[in-house]
Amino acid sequence: RPPEQILQTVTYGVRNANADSRVSDMPRFGADGLLTKEQINDVAEYVLSLTNTETDKTAAGRGAQVFADNCAACHGDKGDGNPDVGAPRLNDAIWLYGGDKATVVQTITYARRGSMPAWSERLDPATVKLLAAYVHSLGGGK
């Protein structure tokens, strides 16, 4: 991410009360009836297969089409993610909430709607810029 975008996110946060915070919401595919339990199971198997995790290959095969139809628009055809819309990579086995099948199913079913505070409301401008520079140095610029 360019340093300016990192600074924007650190300054205003994500999904909070600040009018300038970023908003990115994944649908609640199960809770809102967008996918069946079987489809969610299959797409979870497919997502896990992207990380070379042992999966049910038949279910993962079915899940590939479910993923293409419902997830690829944000997460990319191969699960590379898209930071512009807040969609994380799914093919690198780095999981914020856990990478076991039950957690992946839960995420697909109910989504995750965590938030990040607007650090500009808690820290002075110089500290916010230093924090953004630090995040960039950790690889946030990739």
N, C-alpha and C. Protein backbone atom coordinates (compact mmCIF):
# COMPACT_ATOMS: atom_id res chain seq x y z
N ARG A 1 0.85 -1.18 0.00
CA ARG A 1 0.00 0.00 0.00
C ARG A 1 0.89 1.24 0.00
N PRO A 2 0.48 2.24 -0.73
CA PRO A 2 1.22 3.50 -0.69
C PRO A 2 1.15 4.12 0.71
N PRO A 3 2.20 4.82 1.10
CA PRO A 3 2.21 5.42 2.45
C PRO A 3 0.99 6.30 2.73
N GLU A 4 0.47 7.00 1.71
CA GLU A 4 -0.67 7.88 1.92
C GLU A 4 -1.92 7.08 2.33
N GLN A 5 -2.09 5.89 1.75
CA GLN A 5 -3.24 5.06 2.09
C GLN A 5 -3.10 4.48 3.50
N ILE A 6 -1.89 4.11 3.86
CA ILE A 6 -1.66 3.62 5.22
C ILE A 6 -1.95 4.74 6.22
N LEU A 7 -1.46 5.94 5.92
CA LEU A 7 -1.72 7.08 6.80
C LEU A 7 -3.23 7.34 6.91
N GLN A 8 -3.95 7.25 5.81
CA GLN A 8 -5.42 7.43 5.83
C GLN A 8 -6.07 6.43 6.78
N THR A 9 -5.67 5.16 6.68
CA THR A 9 -6.26 4.12 7.52
C THR A 9 -5.90 4.31 8.98
N VAL A 10 -4.64 4.61 9.26
CA VAL A 10 -4.22 4.82 10.66
C VAL A 10 -4.92 6.06 11.23
N THR A 11 -5.03 7.10 10.43
CA THR A 11 -5.64 8.35 10.91
C THR A 11 -7.12 8.18 11.22
N TYR A 12 -7.87 7.56 10.29
CA TYR A 12 -9.32 7.52 10.43
C TYR A 12 -9.89 6.16 10.81
N GLY A 13 -9.09 5.10 10.73
CA GLY A 13 -9.53 3.78 11.14
C GLY A 13 -10.42 3.08 10.13
N VAL A 14 -11.02 2.00 10.60
CA VAL A 14 -11.88 1.15 9.77
C VAL A 14 -13.15 0.82 10.55
N ARG A 15 -14.30 1.01 9.94
CA ARG A 15 -15.61 0.68 10.52
C ARG A 15 -15.75 1.21 11.95
N ASN A 16 -15.65 2.49 12.09
CA ASN A 16 -15.88 3.11 13.40
C ASN A 16 -16.78 4.34 13.21
N ALA A 17 -16.97 5.10 14.24
CA ALA A 17 -17.89 6.24 14.18
C ALA A 17 -17.33 7.44 13.41
N ASN A 18 -16.04 7.45 13.12
CA ASN A 18 -15.45 8.57 12.39
C ASN A 18 -15.99 8.59 10.97
N ALA A 19 -16.43 9.73 10.51
CA ALA A 19 -17.05 9.85 9.18
C ALA A 19 -16.09 9.49 8.05
N ASP A 20 -14.79 9.58 8.27
CA ASP A 20 -13.81 9.29 7.23
C ASP A 20 -13.21 7.88 7.34
N SER A 21 -13.75 7.05 8.23
CA SER A 21 -13.20 5.70 8.37
C SER A 21 -13.51 4.86 7.14
N ARG A 22 -12.64 3.89 6.87
CA ARG A 22 -12.87 2.98 5.74
C ARG A 22 -13.96 1.99 6.12
N VAL A 23 -14.74 1.61 5.14
CA VAL A 23 -15.78 0.61 5.36
C VAL A 23 -15.60 -0.50 4.32
N SER A 24 -15.50 -1.71 4.80
CA SER A 24 -15.45 -2.85 3.90
C SER A 24 -16.17 -3.98 4.61
N ASP A 25 -17.24 -4.44 4.04
CA ASP A 25 -18.03 -5.47 4.69
C ASP A 25 -18.19 -6.68 3.79
N MET A 26 -17.84 -7.83 4.33
CA MET A 26 -18.08 -9.08 3.65
C MET A 26 -19.52 -9.50 3.97
N PRO A 27 -20.22 -10.01 2.98
CA PRO A 27 -21.58 -10.48 3.27
C PRO A 27 -21.59 -11.62 4.28
N ARG A 28 -22.67 -11.74 5.02
CA ARG A 28 -22.87 -12.87 5.94
C ARG A 28 -23.56 -13.96 5.12
N PHE A 29 -22.75 -14.74 4.41
CA PHE A 29 -23.28 -15.67 3.42
C PHE A 29 -24.25 -16.69 4.00
N GLY A 30 -24.01 -17.16 5.20
CA GLY A 30 -24.91 -18.14 5.81
C GLY A 30 -26.04 -17.48 6.56
N ALA A 31 -25.72 -16.51 7.40
CA ALA A 31 -26.72 -15.87 8.24
C ALA A 31 -27.79 -15.16 7.41
N ASP A 32 -27.42 -14.68 6.23
CA ASP A 32 -28.38 -13.98 5.38
C ASP A 32 -28.94 -14.87 4.27
N GLY A 33 -28.64 -16.16 4.33
CA GLY A 33 -29.22 -17.11 3.38
C GLY A 33 -28.70 -16.99 1.96
N LEU A 34 -27.51 -16.43 1.79
CA LEU A 34 -26.96 -16.28 0.44
C LEU A 34 -26.36 -17.59 -0.08
N LEU A 35 -25.86 -18.41 0.84
CA LEU A 35 -25.32 -19.72 0.49
C LEU A 35 -25.89 -20.76 1.45
N THR A 36 -26.00 -21.99 0.98
CA THR A 36 -26.44 -23.09 1.84
C THR A 36 -25.27 -23.58 2.69
N LYS A 37 -25.57 -24.36 3.70
CA LYS A 37 -24.51 -24.94 4.54
C LYS A 37 -23.56 -25.78 3.70
N GLU A 38 -24.11 -26.50 2.73
CA GLU A 38 -23.28 -27.33 1.86
C GLU A 38 -22.34 -26.47 1.02
N GLN A 39 -22.85 -25.37 0.48
CA GLN A 39 -22.00 -24.47 -0.31
C GLN A 39 -20.92 -23.84 0.56
N ILE A 40 -21.28 -23.48 1.79
CA ILE A 40 -20.30 -22.90 2.70
C ILE A 40 -19.22 -23.92 3.03
N ASN A 41 -19.61 -25.16 3.28
CA ASN A 41 -18.64 -26.22 3.52
C ASN A 41 -17.69 -26.35 2.33
N ASP A 42 -18.25 -26.38 1.13
CA ASP A 42 -17.44 -26.57 -0.07
C ASP A 42 -16.49 -25.40 -0.30
N VAL A 43 -16.96 -24.18 -0.12
CA VAL A 43 -16.09 -23.03 -0.35
C VAL A 43 -15.02 -22.96 0.74
N ALA A 44 -15.34 -23.39 1.97
CA ALA A 44 -14.31 -23.45 3.02
C ALA A 44 -13.23 -24.46 2.64
N GLU A 45 -13.62 -25.59 2.10
CA GLU A 45 -12.64 -26.58 1.64
C GLU A 45 -11.78 -25.99 0.53
N TYR A 46 -12.41 -25.26 -0.38
CA TYR A 46 -11.66 -24.64 -1.46
C TYR A 46 -10.67 -23.60 -0.92
N VAL A 47 -11.13 -22.74 -0.03
CA VAL A 47 -10.25 -21.70 0.54
C VAL A 47 -9.06 -22.36 1.25
N LEU A 48 -9.32 -23.40 2.00
CA LEU A 48 -8.22 -24.09 2.67
C LEU A 48 -7.27 -24.73 1.67
N SER A 49 -7.80 -25.18 0.53
CA SER A 49 -6.92 -25.77 -0.50
C SER A 49 -5.97 -24.73 -1.09
N LEU A 50 -6.35 -23.46 -1.05
CA LEU A 50 -5.47 -22.40 -1.56
C LEU A 50 -4.19 -22.28 -0.75
N THR A 51 -4.21 -22.78 0.48
CA THR A 51 -3.04 -22.71 1.36
C THR A 51 -2.31 -24.04 1.42
N ASN A 52 -2.64 -24.94 0.50
CA ASN A 52 -2.04 -26.28 0.47
C ASN A 52 -2.36 -27.09 1.71
N THR A 53 -3.45 -26.77 2.36
CA THR A 53 -3.94 -27.55 3.49
C THR A 53 -4.65 -28.77 2.95
N GLU A 54 -4.50 -29.89 3.63
CA GLU A 54 -5.20 -31.11 3.22
C GLU A 54 -6.70 -30.87 3.30
N THR A 55 -7.41 -31.12 2.21
CA THR A 55 -8.84 -30.87 2.16
C THR A 55 -9.55 -32.02 1.47
N ASP A 56 -10.85 -31.98 1.55
CA ASP A 56 -11.69 -32.90 0.79
C ASP A 56 -11.67 -32.37 -0.65
N LYS A 57 -10.95 -33.03 -1.52
CA LYS A 57 -10.75 -32.53 -2.89
C LYS A 57 -12.04 -32.43 -3.68
N THR A 58 -12.97 -33.34 -3.44
CA THR A 58 -14.25 -33.29 -4.15
C THR A 58 -15.04 -32.05 -3.73
N ALA A 59 -15.11 -31.81 -2.42
CA ALA A 59 -15.81 -30.62 -1.92
C ALA A 59 -15.10 -29.35 -2.37
N ALA A 60 -13.76 -29.35 -2.33
CA ALA A 60 -13.00 -28.17 -2.77
C ALA A 60 -13.25 -27.90 -4.25
N GLY A 61 -13.40 -28.95 -5.05
CA GLY A 61 -13.71 -28.77 -6.47
C GLY A 61 -15.04 -28.08 -6.67
N ARG A 62 -16.05 -28.50 -5.90
CA ARG A 62 -17.35 -27.81 -5.97
C ARG A 62 -17.22 -26.38 -5.44
N GLY A 63 -16.44 -26.22 -4.41
CA GLY A 63 -16.27 -24.90 -3.79
C GLY A 63 -15.58 -23.90 -4.68
N ALA A 64 -14.78 -24.39 -5.64
CA ALA A 64 -14.09 -23.47 -6.56
C ALA A 64 -15.10 -22.63 -7.33
N GLN A 65 -16.19 -23.24 -7.76
CA GLN A 65 -17.20 -22.48 -8.51
C GLN A 65 -17.96 -21.53 -7.58
N VAL A 66 -18.26 -21.97 -6.37
CA VAL A 66 -18.93 -21.10 -5.40
C VAL A 66 -18.05 -19.89 -5.11
N PHE A 67 -16.75 -20.13 -4.94
CA PHE A 67 -15.79 -19.06 -4.71
C PHE A 67 -15.77 -18.10 -5.90
N ALA A 68 -15.69 -18.65 -7.12
CA ALA A 68 -15.65 -17.81 -8.32
C ALA A 68 -16.89 -16.94 -8.41
N ASP A 69 -18.03 -17.50 -8.05
CA ASP A 69 -19.30 -16.77 -8.16
C ASP A 69 -19.53 -15.75 -7.05
N ASN A 70 -18.95 -15.98 -5.86
CA ASN A 70 -19.30 -15.16 -4.70
C ASN A 70 -18.15 -14.44 -4.01
N CYS A 71 -16.93 -14.91 -4.21
CA CYS A 71 -15.81 -14.41 -3.42
C CYS A 71 -14.70 -13.76 -4.25
N ALA A 72 -14.51 -14.26 -5.47
CA ALA A 72 -13.39 -13.82 -6.29
C ALA A 72 -13.44 -12.34 -6.63
N ALA A 73 -14.61 -11.74 -6.70
CA ALA A 73 -14.71 -10.32 -7.04
C ALA A 73 -13.91 -9.47 -6.05
N CYS A 74 -13.85 -9.89 -4.80
CA CYS A 74 -13.09 -9.13 -3.79
C CYS A 74 -11.74 -9.79 -3.48
N HIS A 75 -11.75 -11.11 -3.30
CA HIS A 75 -10.53 -11.81 -2.88
C HIS A 75 -9.64 -12.22 -4.04
N GLY A 76 -10.08 -12.04 -5.27
CA GLY A 76 -9.29 -12.41 -6.45
C GLY A 76 -9.51 -13.86 -6.83
N ASP A 77 -9.28 -14.16 -8.10
CA ASP A 77 -9.51 -15.51 -8.63
C ASP A 77 -8.71 -16.58 -7.89
N LYS A 78 -7.52 -16.22 -7.42
CA LYS A 78 -6.65 -17.19 -6.75
C LYS A 78 -6.48 -16.88 -5.27
N GLY A 79 -7.35 -16.03 -4.73
CA GLY A 79 -7.30 -15.71 -3.31
C GLY A 79 -6.18 -14.76 -2.94
N ASP A 80 -5.72 -13.94 -3.91
CA ASP A 80 -4.63 -13.00 -3.63
C ASP A 80 -5.05 -11.81 -2.80
N GLY A 81 -6.36 -11.58 -2.65
CA GLY A 81 -6.85 -10.47 -1.85
C GLY A 81 -6.85 -9.15 -2.62
N ASN A 82 -7.48 -8.16 -2.02
CA ASN A 82 -7.53 -6.83 -2.59
C ASN A 82 -7.63 -5.82 -1.46
N PRO A 83 -6.50 -5.22 -1.07
CA PRO A 83 -6.54 -4.28 0.05
C PRO A 83 -7.40 -3.05 -0.22
N ASP A 84 -7.65 -2.72 -1.49
CA ASP A 84 -8.47 -1.55 -1.80
C ASP A 84 -9.90 -1.71 -1.31
N VAL A 85 -10.37 -2.95 -1.21
CA VAL A 85 -11.73 -3.19 -0.71
C VAL A 85 -11.71 -3.90 0.64
N GLY A 86 -10.53 -4.05 1.23
CA GLY A 86 -10.42 -4.67 2.55
C GLY A 86 -10.50 -6.18 2.53
N ALA A 87 -10.28 -6.79 1.37
CA ALA A 87 -10.36 -8.25 1.25
C ALA A 87 -8.96 -8.85 1.43
N PRO A 88 -8.73 -9.59 2.51
CA PRO A 88 -7.40 -10.14 2.75
C PRO A 88 -7.06 -11.28 1.81
N ARG A 89 -5.76 -11.56 1.73
CA ARG A 89 -5.29 -12.74 1.01
C ARG A 89 -5.85 -13.96 1.70
N LEU A 90 -6.18 -14.95 0.92
CA LEU A 90 -6.66 -16.22 1.47
C LEU A 90 -5.71 -17.35 1.13
N ASN A 91 -4.68 -17.08 0.37
CA ASN A 91 -3.80 -18.14 -0.10
C ASN A 91 -2.42 -18.15 0.57
N ASP A 92 -2.31 -17.50 1.71
CA ASP A 92 -1.00 -17.44 2.35
C ASP A 92 -0.96 -18.06 3.75
N ALA A 93 -2.04 -18.62 4.21
CA ALA A 93 -2.12 -19.28 5.52
C ALA A 93 -1.85 -18.33 6.69
N ILE A 94 -2.05 -17.03 6.48
CA ILE A 94 -1.96 -16.06 7.57
C ILE A 94 -3.39 -15.64 7.87
N TRP A 95 -3.88 -16.06 9.04
CA TRP A 95 -5.29 -15.88 9.37
C TRP A 95 -5.42 -15.04 10.63
N LEU A 96 -6.18 -13.99 10.56
CA LEU A 96 -6.41 -13.12 11.71
C LEU A 96 -7.23 -13.83 12.78
N TYR A 97 -8.23 -14.60 12.37
CA TYR A 97 -9.13 -15.23 13.32
C TYR A 97 -8.89 -16.73 13.48
N GLY A 98 -8.00 -17.30 12.69
CA GLY A 98 -7.71 -18.73 12.74
C GLY A 98 -7.97 -19.37 11.39
N GLY A 99 -7.16 -20.36 11.05
CA GLY A 99 -7.25 -20.98 9.74
C GLY A 99 -7.76 -22.41 9.76
N ASP A 100 -8.37 -22.83 10.86
CA ASP A 100 -8.96 -24.16 10.86
C ASP A 100 -10.32 -24.10 10.15
N LYS A 101 -10.81 -25.24 9.72
CA LYS A 101 -12.04 -25.26 8.92
C LYS A 101 -13.22 -24.66 9.66
N ALA A 102 -13.37 -24.96 10.93
CA ALA A 102 -14.52 -24.44 11.68
C ALA A 102 -14.51 -22.91 11.69
N THR A 103 -13.35 -22.30 11.83
CA THR A 103 -13.26 -20.85 11.86
C THR A 103 -13.53 -20.26 10.48
N VAL A 104 -13.03 -20.91 9.44
CA VAL A 104 -13.30 -20.44 8.08
C VAL A 104 -14.80 -20.52 7.79
N VAL A 105 -15.44 -21.62 8.17
CA VAL A 105 -16.89 -21.75 8.00
C VAL A 105 -17.62 -20.65 8.76
N GLN A 106 -17.20 -20.38 9.99
CA GLN A 106 -17.84 -19.34 10.79
C GLN A 106 -17.68 -17.97 10.12
N THR A 107 -16.51 -17.70 9.58
CA THR A 107 -16.27 -16.42 8.91
C THR A 107 -17.16 -16.28 7.68
N ILE A 108 -17.26 -17.33 6.88
CA ILE A 108 -18.11 -17.29 5.68
C ILE A 108 -19.58 -17.12 6.09
N THR A 109 -19.98 -17.82 7.13
CA THR A 109 -21.38 -17.79 7.57
C THR A 109 -21.79 -16.44 8.14
N TYR A 110 -20.95 -15.89 9.02
CA TYR A 110 -21.34 -14.68 9.76
C TYR A 110 -20.53 -13.43 9.42
N ALA A 111 -19.44 -13.58 8.67
CA ALA A 111 -18.51 -12.50 8.35
C ALA A 111 -17.80 -12.00 9.61
N ARG A 112 -16.86 -11.14 9.42
CA ARG A 112 -16.13 -10.51 10.54
C ARG A 112 -16.26 -9.02 10.33
N ARG A 113 -16.70 -8.35 11.32
CA ARG A 113 -16.86 -6.90 11.18
C ARG A 113 -16.12 -6.18 12.29
N GLY A 114 -14.84 -6.50 12.39
CA GLY A 114 -14.01 -5.82 13.38
C GLY A 114 -13.83 -4.36 13.01
N SER A 115 -13.32 -3.60 13.93
CA SER A 115 -13.08 -2.19 13.63
C SER A 115 -11.70 -1.81 14.13
N MET A 116 -11.22 -0.71 13.59
CA MET A 116 -9.95 -0.12 14.01
C MET A 116 -10.25 1.32 14.38
N PRO A 117 -9.74 1.77 15.50
CA PRO A 117 -10.05 3.15 15.91
C PRO A 117 -9.39 4.17 14.99
N ALA A 118 -9.90 5.36 15.03
CA ALA A 118 -9.28 6.50 14.35
C ALA A 118 -8.18 7.00 15.29
N TRP A 119 -6.95 6.66 14.98
CA TRP A 119 -5.86 7.02 15.90
C TRP A 119 -5.65 8.53 15.99
N SER A 120 -6.15 9.28 15.02
CA SER A 120 -6.04 10.74 15.08
C SER A 120 -6.86 11.32 16.23
N GLU A 121 -7.80 10.52 16.75
CA GLU A 121 -8.61 10.97 17.88
C GLU A 121 -7.94 10.64 19.21
N ARG A 122 -6.83 9.91 19.16
CA ARG A 122 -6.16 9.47 20.39
C ARG A 122 -4.70 9.92 20.46
N LEU A 123 -4.11 10.15 19.29
CA LEU A 123 -2.68 10.49 19.23
C LEU A 123 -2.49 11.81 18.49
N ASP A 124 -1.37 12.48 18.76
CA ASP A 124 -1.09 13.73 18.06
C ASP A 124 -0.68 13.43 16.61
N PRO A 125 -0.77 14.41 15.70
CA PRO A 125 -0.49 14.19 14.28
C PRO A 125 0.91 13.60 14.00
N ALA A 126 1.92 14.05 14.72
CA ALA A 126 3.28 13.54 14.49
C ALA A 126 3.35 12.05 14.83
N THR A 127 2.73 11.65 15.92
CA THR A 127 2.74 10.24 16.32
C THR A 127 1.96 9.38 15.33
N VAL A 128 0.86 9.90 14.81
CA VAL A 128 0.08 9.17 13.80
C VAL A 128 0.95 8.94 12.56
N LYS A 129 1.69 9.95 12.13
CA LYS A 129 2.56 9.78 10.96
C LYS A 129 3.68 8.78 11.24
N LEU A 130 4.24 8.81 12.42
CA LEU A 130 5.27 7.83 12.78
C LEU A 130 4.70 6.42 12.80
N LEU A 131 3.50 6.27 13.31
CA LEU A 131 2.85 4.97 13.34
C LEU A 131 2.59 4.46 11.92
N ALA A 132 2.12 5.33 11.03
CA ALA A 132 1.90 4.94 9.64
C ALA A 132 3.22 4.55 8.97
N ALA A 133 4.27 5.28 9.23
CA ALA A 133 5.59 4.95 8.66
C ALA A 133 6.06 3.59 9.18
N TYR A 134 5.83 3.33 10.45
CA TYR A 134 6.21 2.04 11.03
C TYR A 134 5.42 0.89 10.37
N VAL A 135 4.12 1.06 10.19
CA VAL A 135 3.32 0.03 9.52
C VAL A 135 3.85 -0.21 8.11
N HIS A 136 4.17 0.86 7.41
CA HIS A 136 4.72 0.73 6.06
C HIS A 136 6.03 -0.05 6.09
N SER A 137 6.87 0.20 7.08
CA SER A 137 8.17 -0.49 7.17
C SER A 137 8.02 -1.98 7.46
N LEU A 138 6.88 -2.37 8.02
CA LEU A 138 6.64 -3.79 8.32
C LEU A 138 6.21 -4.57 7.08
N GLY A 139 6.08 -3.89 5.98
CA GLY A 139 5.65 -4.54 4.75
C GLY A 139 4.31 -4.07 4.26
N GLY A 140 3.76 -3.06 4.92
CA GLY A 140 2.47 -2.53 4.51
C GLY A 140 2.51 -1.87 3.15
N GLY A 141 3.70 -1.60 2.64
CA GLY A 141 3.83 -0.98 1.33
C GLY A 141 3.81 -1.96 0.18
N LYS A 142 3.70 -3.25 0.50
CA LYS A 142 3.73 -4.27 -0.57
C LYS A 142 2.39 -4.36 -1.24
